[in-house]
Amino acid sequence: MINSISLENILCLDIETVPQYATFEEVPEEIKPLWVRKASNLKRDEGTEEQHLYERAGIYAEFGKIICITTGFLSCKDEGRQFRLKSFVVMMKKPYSKISHLY
């Protein structure tokens, strides 16, 4: 099937995320219990603490934020193929960034 798809018809997307807060200590007290509950499902062994798992929080929608979206596509012109990229850096506050939107 992949051989029947034209390379010019493929759009590549890359979404980069990070945790909403740099460290677990910076997370507001209202949100910490939510992360502790999520982290309990992520633990591989009992010795792992929620603070150490927080660096992975960016991949979960409720604890992460998007910092960059990149799109790419293959352009075939007379001079050959080019892979064209466009990045969009997210530098705005989310409209739903208040704690009340988590409940």
C-alpha atoms as a PDB file:
ATOM      1  CA  MET A   1       0.000   0.000   0.000  1.00  0.00           C
ATOM      2  CA  ILE A   2       2.781   2.458   0.829  1.00  0.00           C
ATOM      3  CA  ASN A   3       4.119   2.138  -2.701  1.00  0.00           C
ATOM      4  CA  SER A   4       0.814   3.418  -4.115  1.00  0.00           C
ATOM      5  CA  ILE A   5       0.966   6.691  -2.128  1.00  0.00           C
ATOM      6  CA  SER A   6       2.605   9.633  -3.834  1.00  0.00           C
ATOM      7  CA  LEU A   7       5.272  11.221  -1.627  1.00  0.00           C
ATOM      8  CA  GLU A   8       3.902  14.664  -2.504  1.00  0.00           C
ATOM      9  CA  ASN A   9       0.625  13.718  -0.790  1.00  0.00           C
ATOM     10  CA  ILE A  10       2.160  13.075   2.622  1.00  0.00           C
ATOM     11  CA  LEU A  11       2.047  15.771   5.276  1.00  0.00           C
ATOM     12  CA  CYS A  12       4.406  15.332   8.233  1.00  0.00           C
ATOM     13  CA  LEU A  13       3.502  16.805  11.616  1.00  0.00           C
ATOM     14  CA  ASP A  14       5.642  17.103  14.735  1.00  0.00           C
ATOM     15  CA  ILE A  15       4.179  18.482  17.952  1.00  0.00           C
ATOM     16  CA  GLU A  16       6.647  19.271  20.733  1.00  0.00           C
ATOM     17  CA  THR A  17       5.324  19.390  24.282  1.00  0.00           C
ATOM     18  CA  VAL A  18       6.729  20.048  27.749  1.00  0.00           C
ATOM     19  CA  PRO A  19       5.235  19.885  31.259  1.00  0.00           C
ATOM     20  CA  GLN A  20       3.207  22.978  32.205  1.00  0.00           C
ATOM     21  CA  TYR A  21       5.589  23.644  35.097  1.00  0.00           C
ATOM     22  CA  ALA A  22       9.364  23.214  35.114  1.00  0.00           C
ATOM     23  CA  THR A  23       9.419  21.079  38.260  1.00  0.00           C
ATOM     24  CA  PHE A  24       6.929  19.150  40.360  1.00  0.00           C
ATOM     25  CA  GLU A  25       7.508  21.604  43.209  1.00  0.00           C
ATOM     26  CA  GLU A  26       6.112  24.445  41.039  1.00  0.00           C
ATOM     27  CA  VAL A  27       2.832  22.622  40.372  1.00  0.00           C
ATOM     28  CA  PRO A  28      -0.069  24.311  42.221  1.00  0.00           C
ATOM     29  CA  GLU A  29      -1.387  22.411  45.221  1.00  0.00           C
ATOM     30  CA  GLU A  30      -4.781  21.993  43.530  1.00  0.00           C
ATOM     31  CA  ILE A  31      -3.203  20.054  40.644  1.00  0.00           C
ATOM     32  CA  LYS A  32      -0.669  17.922  42.536  1.00  0.00           C
ATOM     33  CA  PRO A  33      -3.230  15.286  43.614  1.00  0.00           C
ATOM     34  CA  LEU A  34      -4.248  14.866  39.964  1.00  0.00           C
ATOM     35  CA  TRP A  35      -0.636  14.222  38.953  1.00  0.00           C
ATOM     36  CA  VAL A  36      -0.075  11.829  41.880  1.00  0.00           C
ATOM     37  CA  ARG A  37      -3.093   9.833  40.711  1.00  0.00           C
ATOM     38  CA  LYS A  38      -1.840   9.777  37.099  1.00  0.00           C
ATOM     39  CA  ALA A  39       1.702   8.902  38.178  1.00  0.00           C
ATOM     40  CA  SER A  40       0.449   5.948  40.205  1.00  0.00           C
ATOM     41  CA  ASN A  41      -0.604   4.361  36.896  1.00  0.00           C
ATOM     42  CA  LEU A  42       2.806   5.093  35.344  1.00  0.00           C
ATOM     43  CA  LYS A  43       4.986   3.616  38.072  1.00  0.00           C
ATOM     44  CA  ARG A  44       7.012   0.595  37.048  1.00  0.00           C
ATOM     45  CA  ASP A  45       8.280  -0.085  40.534  1.00  0.00           C
ATOM     46  CA  GLU A  46       7.282   1.012  44.015  1.00  0.00           C
ATOM     47  CA  GLY A  47      10.477   3.026  44.557  1.00  0.00           C
ATOM     48  CA  THR A  48       9.636   5.571  41.868  1.00  0.00           C
ATOM     49  CA  GLU A  49       8.278   8.854  43.176  1.00  0.00           C
ATOM     50  CA  GLU A  50       5.802  11.146  41.448  1.00  0.00           C
ATOM     51  CA  GLN A  51       8.379  13.956  41.322  1.00  0.00           C
ATOM     52  CA  HIS A  52      10.719  11.835  39.183  1.00  0.00           C
ATOM     53  CA  LEU A  53       7.923  10.932  36.785  1.00  0.00           C
ATOM     54  CA  TYR A  54       6.887  14.573  36.319  1.00  0.00           C
ATOM     55  CA  GLU A  55       9.466  15.128  33.583  1.00  0.00           C
ATOM     56  CA  ARG A  56       7.214  12.932  31.414  1.00  0.00           C
ATOM     57  CA  ALA A  57       4.122  15.045  32.165  1.00  0.00           C
ATOM     58  CA  GLY A  58       4.393  16.899  28.859  1.00  0.00           C
ATOM     59  CA  ILE A  59       3.125  13.945  26.859  1.00  0.00           C
ATOM     60  CA  TYR A  60      -0.190  13.950  28.734  1.00  0.00           C
ATOM     61  CA  ALA A  61      -2.676  16.572  27.529  1.00  0.00           C
ATOM     62  CA  GLU A  62      -3.903  17.547  30.971  1.00  0.00           C
ATOM     63  CA  PHE A  63      -0.376  18.231  32.313  1.00  0.00           C
ATOM     64  CA  GLY A  64       1.520  19.394  29.228  1.00  0.00           C
ATOM     65  CA  LYS A  65       1.632  22.346  26.907  1.00  0.00           C
ATOM     66  CA  ILE A  66       2.532  22.651  23.241  1.00  0.00           C
ATOM     67  CA  ILE A  67       5.623  24.732  22.557  1.00  0.00           C
ATOM     68  CA  CYS A  68       6.155  24.079  18.848  1.00  0.00           C
ATOM     69  CA  ILE A  69       4.308  22.553  15.892  1.00  0.00           C
ATOM     70  CA  THR A  70       6.252  21.740  12.735  1.00  0.00           C
ATOM     71  CA  THR A  71       4.808  20.700   9.404  1.00  0.00           C
ATOM     72  CA  GLY A  72       6.707  19.254   6.473  1.00  0.00           C
ATOM     73  CA  PHE A  73       6.047  18.036   2.974  1.00  0.00           C
ATOM     74  CA  LEU A  74       7.986  16.932  -0.074  1.00  0.00           C
ATOM     75  CA  SER A  75       7.918  19.330  -2.999  1.00  0.00           C
ATOM     76  CA  CYS A  76       8.805  17.980  -6.448  1.00  0.00           C
ATOM     77  CA  LYS A  77       9.777  20.722  -8.883  1.00  0.00           C
ATOM     78  CA  ASP A  78      11.875  20.794 -12.041  1.00  0.00           C
ATOM     79  CA  GLU A  79      15.048  21.239  -9.969  1.00  0.00           C
ATOM     80  CA  GLY A  80      14.349  18.082  -7.962  1.00  0.00           C
ATOM     81  CA  ARG A  81      12.811  17.195  -4.643  1.00  0.00           C
ATOM     82  CA  GLN A  82      12.835  19.465  -1.621  1.00  0.00           C
ATOM     83  CA  PHE A  83      11.575  18.744   1.862  1.00  0.00           C
ATOM     84  CA  ARG A  84       9.862  21.933   3.015  1.00  0.00           C
ATOM     85  CA  LEU A  85       9.424  22.683   6.733  1.00  0.00           C
ATOM     86  CA  LYS A  86       7.450  25.303   8.613  1.00  0.00           C
ATOM     87  CA  SER A  87       7.555  25.645  12.391  1.00  0.00           C
ATOM     88  CA  PHE A  88       5.055  27.484  14.529  1.00  0.00           C
ATOM     89  CA  VAL A  89       6.302  28.377  17.995  1.00  0.00           C
ATOM     90  CA  VAL A  90       3.493  28.699  20.483  1.00  0.00           C
ATOM     91  CA  MET A  91       4.126  31.877  22.452  1.00  0.00           C
ATOM     92  CA  MET A  92       0.684  32.675  23.789  1.00  0.00           C
ATOM     93  CA  LYS A  93      -1.228  31.876  26.910  1.00  0.00           C
ATOM     94  CA  LYS A  94      -3.840  29.204  26.506  1.00  0.00           C
ATOM     95  CA  PRO A  95      -7.401  30.524  26.785  1.00  0.00           C
ATOM     96  CA  TYR A  96      -8.240  27.608  29.099  1.00  0.00           C
ATOM     97  CA  SER A  97      -5.233  27.846  31.390  1.00  0.00           C
ATOM     98  CA  LYS A  98      -7.073  28.489  34.645  1.00  0.00           C
ATOM     99  CA  ILE A  99      -7.191  25.799  37.301  1.00  0.00           C
ATOM    100  CA  SER A 100     -11.001  25.832  37.159  1.00  0.00           C
ATOM    101  CA  HIS A 101     -10.830  24.361  33.639  1.00  0.00           C
ATOM    102  CA  LEU A 102      -9.312  21.143  34.974  1.00  0.00           C
ATOM    103  CA  TYR A 103     -12.433  20.108  36.856  1.00  0.00           C
END
